[in-house]
Amino acid sequence: MDEVEQAKHFVAHRFVKTLLNQDISFKLHIILGSTDSPTIADFIVKKAGEVGAEGIVMAKHRKGKVTELVVGSVTSEVIKRATGHCPVVVVPSQWKAVME
């Protein structure tokens, strides 16, 4: 299975059922390779604008005991850069249990 198929498989099994059960419409965008943006956060916000996203949803990943209280650096930058463009929702990496 290639990278794109792995990403689709991961999202389908982890999120799609919950989103559909909650009647939340969404579009999935998977981008592999280099971008013309200086940072990943810039690219995410730029892509959201290009596709007319009404919001950005990002997972908060637990990388240690202290980081449970804060979001990661990419998520933090997306929140800053998306201000005024669209809302950013940060969900726990174990959000499936929260939603069901």
C-alpha atoms as a PDB file:
ATOM      1  CA  MET A   1       0.000   0.000   0.000  1.00  0.00           C
ATOM      2  CA  ASP A   2       1.506   3.392  -0.995  1.00  0.00           C
ATOM      3  CA  GLU A   3       1.581   6.529   1.204  1.00  0.00           C
ATOM      4  CA  VAL A   4      -1.667   7.990  -0.166  1.00  0.00           C
ATOM      5  CA  GLU A   5      -3.556   4.751   0.319  1.00  0.00           C
ATOM      6  CA  GLN A   6      -2.131   4.393   3.834  1.00  0.00           C
ATOM      7  CA  ALA A   7      -3.297   7.928   4.698  1.00  0.00           C
ATOM      8  CA  LYS A   8      -6.782   7.303   3.277  1.00  0.00           C
ATOM      9  CA  HIS A   9      -7.004   3.999   5.133  1.00  0.00           C
ATOM     10  CA  PHE A  10      -5.929   5.655   8.404  1.00  0.00           C
ATOM     11  CA  VAL A  11      -8.445   8.494   8.078  1.00  0.00           C
ATOM     12  CA  ALA A  12     -11.253   6.180   6.981  1.00  0.00           C
ATOM     13  CA  HIS A  13     -10.819   3.910   9.958  1.00  0.00           C
ATOM     14  CA  ARG A  14     -10.082   6.593  12.514  1.00  0.00           C
ATOM     15  CA  PHE A  15     -12.371   9.501  11.613  1.00  0.00           C
ATOM     16  CA  VAL A  16     -14.853   8.977   8.770  1.00  0.00           C
ATOM     17  CA  LYS A  17     -17.346   6.797  10.634  1.00  0.00           C
ATOM     18  CA  THR A  18     -17.461   9.241  13.540  1.00  0.00           C
ATOM     19  CA  LEU A  19     -17.844  12.261  11.243  1.00  0.00           C
ATOM     20  CA  LEU A  20     -20.637  10.612   9.277  1.00  0.00           C
ATOM     21  CA  ASN A  21     -22.398   9.492  12.468  1.00  0.00           C
ATOM     22  CA  GLN A  22     -22.301  13.104  13.679  1.00  0.00           C
ATOM     23  CA  ASP A  23     -23.617  14.314  10.269  1.00  0.00           C
ATOM     24  CA  ILE A  24     -20.475  16.392   9.698  1.00  0.00           C
ATOM     25  CA  SER A  25     -19.626  16.992   6.052  1.00  0.00           C
ATOM     26  CA  PHE A  26     -15.960  17.165   5.128  1.00  0.00           C
ATOM     27  CA  LYS A  27     -13.430  16.922   2.320  1.00  0.00           C
ATOM     28  CA  LEU A  28     -10.145  15.145   2.817  1.00  0.00           C
ATOM     29  CA  HIS A  29      -7.005  16.572   1.226  1.00  0.00           C
ATOM     30  CA  ILE A  30      -3.805  14.540   1.265  1.00  0.00           C
ATOM     31  CA  ILE A  31      -0.701  16.283  -0.022  1.00  0.00           C
ATOM     32  CA  LEU A  32       2.623  14.502  -0.437  1.00  0.00           C
ATOM     33  CA  GLY A  33       5.898  16.024  -1.536  1.00  0.00           C
ATOM     34  CA  SER A  34       7.350  19.493  -1.520  1.00  0.00           C
ATOM     35  CA  THR A  35       5.290  22.666  -1.358  1.00  0.00           C
ATOM     36  CA  ASP A  36       5.878  26.248  -2.410  1.00  0.00           C
ATOM     37  CA  SER A  37       5.291  27.451   1.171  1.00  0.00           C
ATOM     38  CA  PRO A  38       8.063  28.169   3.666  1.00  0.00           C
ATOM     39  CA  THR A  39       6.402  26.137   6.463  1.00  0.00           C
ATOM     40  CA  ILE A  40       3.814  23.406   6.839  1.00  0.00           C
ATOM     41  CA  ALA A  41       1.580  25.790   8.793  1.00  0.00           C
ATOM     42  CA  ASP A  42       1.697  28.303   5.923  1.00  0.00           C
ATOM     43  CA  PHE A  43       0.830  25.568   3.462  1.00  0.00           C
ATOM     44  CA  ILE A  44      -2.145  24.297   5.502  1.00  0.00           C
ATOM     45  CA  VAL A  45      -3.629  27.800   5.822  1.00  0.00           C
ATOM     46  CA  LYS A  46      -2.959  28.578   2.142  1.00  0.00           C
ATOM     47  CA  LYS A  47      -4.585  25.302   1.018  1.00  0.00           C
ATOM     48  CA  ALA A  48      -7.587  25.961   3.267  1.00  0.00           C
ATOM     49  CA  GLY A  49      -8.045  29.321   1.529  1.00  0.00           C
ATOM     50  CA  GLU A  50      -7.670  27.796  -1.952  1.00  0.00           C
ATOM     51  CA  VAL A  51     -10.347  25.163  -1.343  1.00  0.00           C
ATOM     52  CA  GLY A  52     -12.678  27.542   0.493  1.00  0.00           C
ATOM     53  CA  ALA A  53     -12.501  25.637   3.770  1.00  0.00           C
ATOM     54  CA  GLU A  54     -14.941  26.740   6.434  1.00  0.00           C
ATOM     55  CA  GLY A  55     -12.554  25.494   9.107  1.00  0.00           C
ATOM     56  CA  ILE A  56      -9.476  23.443   9.850  1.00  0.00           C
ATOM     57  CA  VAL A  57      -9.485  20.453  12.197  1.00  0.00           C
ATOM     58  CA  MET A  58      -6.177  19.293  13.629  1.00  0.00           C
ATOM     59  CA  ALA A  59      -5.326  16.588  16.132  1.00  0.00           C
ATOM     60  CA  LYS A  60      -3.379  17.272  19.284  1.00  0.00           C
ATOM     61  CA  HIS A  61      -0.816  14.509  19.655  1.00  0.00           C
ATOM     62  CA  ARG A  62       0.519  13.524  23.035  1.00  0.00           C
ATOM     63  CA  LYS A  63       4.292  13.458  22.835  1.00  0.00           C
ATOM     64  CA  GLY A  64       5.065  13.575  26.534  1.00  0.00           C
ATOM     65  CA  LYS A  65       3.655  14.281  29.971  1.00  0.00           C
ATOM     66  CA  VAL A  66       3.937  18.076  29.743  1.00  0.00           C
ATOM     67  CA  THR A  67       2.749  18.423  26.135  1.00  0.00           C
ATOM     68  CA  GLU A  68      -0.714  17.185  27.045  1.00  0.00           C
ATOM     69  CA  LEU A  69      -1.397  20.749  28.200  1.00  0.00           C
ATOM     70  CA  VAL A  70      -0.292  22.469  25.002  1.00  0.00           C
ATOM     71  CA  VAL A  71      -0.640  21.990  21.270  1.00  0.00           C
ATOM     72  CA  GLY A  72       2.261  21.214  18.972  1.00  0.00           C
ATOM     73  CA  SER A  73       4.270  23.805  17.101  1.00  0.00           C
ATOM     74  CA  VAL A  74       2.577  23.232  13.720  1.00  0.00           C
ATOM     75  CA  THR A  75      -0.894  23.375  15.250  1.00  0.00           C
ATOM     76  CA  SER A  76       0.039  26.514  17.164  1.00  0.00           C
ATOM     77  CA  GLU A  77       1.284  28.205  13.989  1.00  0.00           C
ATOM     78  CA  VAL A  78      -1.840  27.192  12.041  1.00  0.00           C
ATOM     79  CA  ILE A  79      -3.999  28.738  14.767  1.00  0.00           C
ATOM     80  CA  LYS A  80      -2.015  32.001  14.563  1.00  0.00           C
ATOM     81  CA  ARG A  81      -1.944  32.170  10.758  1.00  0.00           C
ATOM     82  CA  ALA A  82      -5.595  31.182  10.255  1.00  0.00           C
ATOM     83  CA  THR A  83      -6.902  33.895  12.572  1.00  0.00           C
ATOM     84  CA  GLY A  84      -9.289  36.030  10.557  1.00  0.00           C
ATOM     85  CA  HIS A  85      -9.525  33.434   7.762  1.00  0.00           C
ATOM     86  CA  CYS A  86     -11.279  30.439   9.291  1.00  0.00           C
ATOM     87  CA  PRO A  87     -11.659  28.733  12.676  1.00  0.00           C
ATOM     88  CA  VAL A  88      -9.216  26.030  13.763  1.00  0.00           C
ATOM     89  CA  VAL A  89     -10.500  23.205  15.946  1.00  0.00           C
ATOM     90  CA  VAL A  90      -7.968  21.136  17.871  1.00  0.00           C
ATOM     91  CA  VAL A  91      -9.146  17.703  18.942  1.00  0.00           C
ATOM     92  CA  PRO A  92      -7.373  15.184  21.146  1.00  0.00           C
ATOM     93  CA  SER A  93      -5.651  12.395  19.249  1.00  0.00           C
ATOM     94  CA  GLN A  94      -8.064  10.007  20.971  1.00  0.00           C
ATOM     95  CA  TRP A  95     -11.119  12.054  19.851  1.00  0.00           C
ATOM     96  CA  LYS A  96     -13.076   9.013  18.674  1.00  0.00           C
ATOM     97  CA  ALA A  97     -13.694   8.043  22.276  1.00  0.00           C
ATOM     98  CA  VAL A  98     -14.797  11.612  23.049  1.00  0.00           C
ATOM     99  CA  MET A  99     -17.240  11.803  20.108  1.00  0.00           C
ATOM    100  CA  GLU A 100     -18.953   8.421  20.682  1.00  0.00           C
END
